[in-house]
């Protein structure tokens, strides 16, 4: 019974939600977080760490927050834009370093119960690792693998 219940929860959209994002040191990354159309008026924030286990038990370490709609808000290396028509908010992190690798949360503040979170797993690669990876994959003649063509900003993809 427990296995079936777990499987059922994983199949319900929005119950388990995460993003995997890769960026390069010295560059920037854009992270796009989806939320419910019913949450457009609520505050959005981006924080580092795991989400709290209980409602109102505190949050992960907040990096940027906004109540503004459809305009950019900036705080240090972080910027956040809440696009209410698309029900997504975008977080930009500039001047990435390997220390930025880790777990983050896109949060939507709710007055009752638990805030809505999307987990973001960020991996920052040193530019020297990027060059080593592309040169080693291009030297392989028996297996064709896609090459990374630039070190411009990379955005996350949903992994549901």
Protein backbone atom coordinates (compact mmCIF):
# COMPACT_ATOMS: atom_id res chain seq x y z
CA UNK A 1 0.00 0.00 0.00
CA UNK A 2 2.78 2.42 0.84
CA UNK A 3 4.46 1.97 -2.56
CA UNK A 4 1.20 2.62 -4.42
CA UNK A 5 0.53 5.75 -2.34
CA UNK A 6 4.03 7.08 -3.03
CA UNK A 7 3.66 6.39 -6.74
CA UNK A 8 0.28 8.14 -6.79
CA UNK A 9 1.72 11.25 -5.13
CA UNK A 10 4.51 11.43 -7.70
CA UNK A 11 1.97 11.39 -10.51
CA UNK A 12 -0.08 14.35 -9.22
CA UNK A 13 1.18 17.53 -10.97
CA UNK A 14 2.62 20.09 -8.56
CA UNK A 15 3.18 17.68 -5.65
CA UNK A 16 6.80 16.90 -6.53
CA UNK A 17 8.46 19.69 -8.46
CA UNK A 18 12.13 20.38 -9.07
CA UNK A 19 14.48 22.06 -11.52
CA UNK A 20 18.04 21.18 -12.42
CA UNK A 21 20.15 24.11 -13.58
CA UNK A 22 23.75 24.30 -14.77
CA UNK A 23 25.74 27.50 -15.08
CA UNK A 24 29.35 28.52 -15.61
CA UNK A 25 31.55 30.42 -13.17
CA UNK A 26 31.79 34.10 -13.99
CA UNK A 27 28.59 33.95 -16.04
CA UNK A 28 24.92 34.27 -15.10
CA UNK A 29 22.00 31.87 -14.99
CA UNK A 30 18.26 32.42 -15.42
CA UNK A 31 15.90 30.21 -13.41
CA UNK A 32 12.21 30.15 -14.38
CA UNK A 33 9.76 29.07 -11.68
CA UNK A 34 6.13 28.24 -12.47
CA UNK A 35 3.27 28.83 -10.05
CA UNK A 36 -0.53 28.57 -9.99
CA UNK A 37 -2.56 31.36 -11.67
CA UNK A 38 -4.34 31.76 -8.33
CA UNK A 39 -1.05 32.88 -6.74
CA UNK A 40 -0.35 35.87 -9.02
CA UNK A 41 -1.07 38.44 -6.27
CA UNK A 42 1.18 36.72 -3.70
CA UNK A 43 4.80 37.57 -2.84
CA UNK A 44 7.53 35.58 -4.61
CA UNK A 45 10.98 34.84 -3.22
CA UNK A 46 14.13 32.85 -3.89
CA UNK A 47 16.10 31.26 -1.06
CA UNK A 48 18.98 28.88 -0.46
CA UNK A 49 18.58 25.59 1.38
CA UNK A 50 15.91 22.96 1.89
CA UNK A 51 12.27 23.86 2.31
CA UNK A 52 10.91 23.83 5.87
CA UNK A 53 9.26 20.62 7.05
CA UNK A 54 6.33 22.33 8.79
CA UNK A 55 4.17 25.33 7.86
CA UNK A 56 5.33 28.60 9.43
CA UNK A 57 8.50 26.94 10.78
CA UNK A 58 10.73 29.43 9.04
CA UNK A 59 12.17 29.49 5.59
CA UNK A 60 15.39 28.69 3.88
CA UNK A 61 17.87 31.58 3.73
CA UNK A 62 16.11 34.26 1.64
CA UNK A 63 18.17 35.91 -1.12
CA UNK A 64 15.56 38.07 -2.88
CA UNK A 65 11.83 38.74 -2.50
CA UNK A 66 9.22 40.85 -4.28
CA UNK A 67 5.60 41.91 -4.08
CA UNK A 68 6.06 43.83 -7.35
CA UNK A 69 4.33 42.51 -10.45
CA UNK A 70 5.70 42.60 -14.00
CA UNK A 71 8.88 44.51 -13.19
CA UNK A 72 12.44 43.58 -12.27
CA UNK A 73 13.60 43.80 -8.65
CA UNK A 74 17.35 43.69 -7.91
CA UNK A 75 19.30 42.75 -4.80
CA UNK A 76 23.07 42.33 -5.14
CA UNK A 77 23.81 39.54 -7.64
CA UNK A 78 20.13 38.50 -7.72
CA UNK A 79 17.23 39.80 -9.79
CA UNK A 80 13.62 38.62 -9.81
CA UNK A 81 10.82 39.28 -12.32
CA UNK A 82 7.24 38.13 -11.64
CA UNK A 83 5.44 37.64 -14.98
CA UNK A 84 1.81 37.45 -13.84
CA UNK A 85 0.37 36.81 -17.33
CA UNK A 86 2.43 33.63 -17.68
CA UNK A 87 2.32 32.71 -13.96
CA UNK A 88 6.10 32.34 -13.79
CA UNK A 89 8.84 34.24 -12.08
CA UNK A 90 12.41 34.43 -13.26
CA UNK A 91 15.43 34.68 -11.01
CA UNK A 92 18.78 35.75 -12.44
CA UNK A 93 22.00 35.07 -10.54
CA UNK A 94 25.01 37.00 -11.85
CA UNK A 95 28.75 36.43 -11.41
CA UNK A 96 28.36 32.73 -10.56
CA UNK A 97 31.02 30.84 -8.63
CA UNK A 98 31.33 27.20 -7.63
CA UNK A 99 30.24 28.19 -4.10
CA UNK A 100 26.79 28.92 -5.58
CA UNK A 101 26.26 25.21 -6.33
CA UNK A 102 23.58 23.71 -4.12
CA UNK A 103 19.88 23.53 -3.35
CA UNK A 104 17.58 26.54 -3.62
CA UNK A 105 13.83 27.13 -3.46
CA UNK A 106 11.52 29.27 -5.57
CA UNK A 107 8.87 30.27 -3.06
CA UNK A 108 5.36 31.65 -3.26
CA UNK A 109 4.19 33.06 0.08
CA UNK A 110 0.83 31.82 1.28
CA UNK A 111 -0.92 33.32 4.28
CA UNK A 112 -2.42 29.99 5.34
CA UNK A 113 -0.56 26.73 5.47
CA UNK A 114 2.69 25.94 3.74
CA UNK A 115 4.29 28.21 1.15
CA UNK A 116 4.50 26.74 -2.35
CA UNK A 117 8.07 25.68 -3.26
CA UNK A 118 9.88 24.55 -6.37
CA UNK A 119 13.26 23.03 -5.56
CA UNK A 120 16.18 24.19 -7.70
CA UNK A 121 19.40 22.18 -7.85
CA UNK A 122 22.13 24.46 -9.18
CA UNK A 123 25.46 23.16 -10.42
CA UNK A 124 28.14 25.71 -11.29
CA UNK A 125 30.98 24.51 -13.49
CA UNK A 126 34.38 26.23 -13.69
CA UNK A 127 35.17 27.48 -17.17
CA UNK A 128 38.32 25.31 -17.19
CA UNK A 129 36.07 22.25 -16.60
CA UNK A 130 33.92 23.38 -19.54
CA UNK A 131 36.96 23.51 -21.86
CA UNK A 132 38.23 20.15 -20.61
CA UNK A 133 34.79 18.53 -21.17
CA UNK A 134 34.33 19.85 -24.70
CA UNK A 135 37.87 19.01 -25.79
CA UNK A 136 37.67 15.46 -24.43
CA UNK A 137 34.27 14.82 -26.01
CA UNK A 138 35.37 16.23 -29.38
CA UNK A 139 38.44 13.99 -29.44
CA UNK A 140 36.30 10.84 -29.26
CA UNK A 141 35.84 9.53 -32.80
CA UNK A 142 33.65 6.48 -32.20
CA UNK A 143 30.83 8.18 -30.29
CA UNK A 144 29.20 11.36 -31.50
CA UNK A 145 28.09 13.54 -28.62
CA UNK A 146 26.60 17.01 -28.70
CA UNK A 147 29.05 19.82 -28.02
CA UNK A 148 28.24 22.82 -25.88
CA UNK A 149 28.50 25.78 -28.22
CA UNK A 150 28.72 28.67 -25.77
CA UNK A 151 29.03 29.64 -22.14
CA UNK A 152 26.08 32.02 -22.27
CA UNK A 153 23.36 31.82 -19.58
CA UNK A 154 21.77 28.41 -19.19
CA UNK A 155 18.24 28.05 -17.86
CA UNK A 156 16.75 25.23 -15.86
CA UNK A 157 14.35 22.58 -17.11
CA UNK A 158 11.52 20.96 -15.23
CA UNK A 159 12.16 17.45 -13.92
CA UNK A 160 8.82 16.20 -12.68
